[in-house]
Amino acid sequence: MASYTAADVKRLRELTGAGMLDCKNALADSDGDFDKAVEALRIKGAKDVGKRAERATAEGLVAARDGAIIELNSETDFVAKNDEFQKLADRIVDAALESKATDVDAL
């Protein structure tokens, strides 16, 4: 049996942003070796990118300020309503204003 604690699962989740069950399974599969668990989650995440690339991003928000407007999309409304997502949109609008970008490539 692998030797890891709930605190290890929590720490791995905070470090990687992976789901609780994924972190628990990664620690179990790596016999409690934290570094191996991180690597396993990184590899799993790379494999999942292809699956996520096909998903529609039909939710999101529009942010505007002083003549700059951006649209930032997400897969779910839960993400779009998240404070961090909204702060990201604000930072992107600020960057667009500072750079005087006229399109995404210029930003």
Foldseek 3Di string as FASTA:
>chain_A
DADDDLVLLVVLCVVQVDDSVLSVVLCVVVSNDSVSSNVVVVVVVVVCVVVVVPADFPDADWDDDDPFIDTDTHRDVVLRPDPVRVVVNVVVSVVCVVQVDPDPVSD
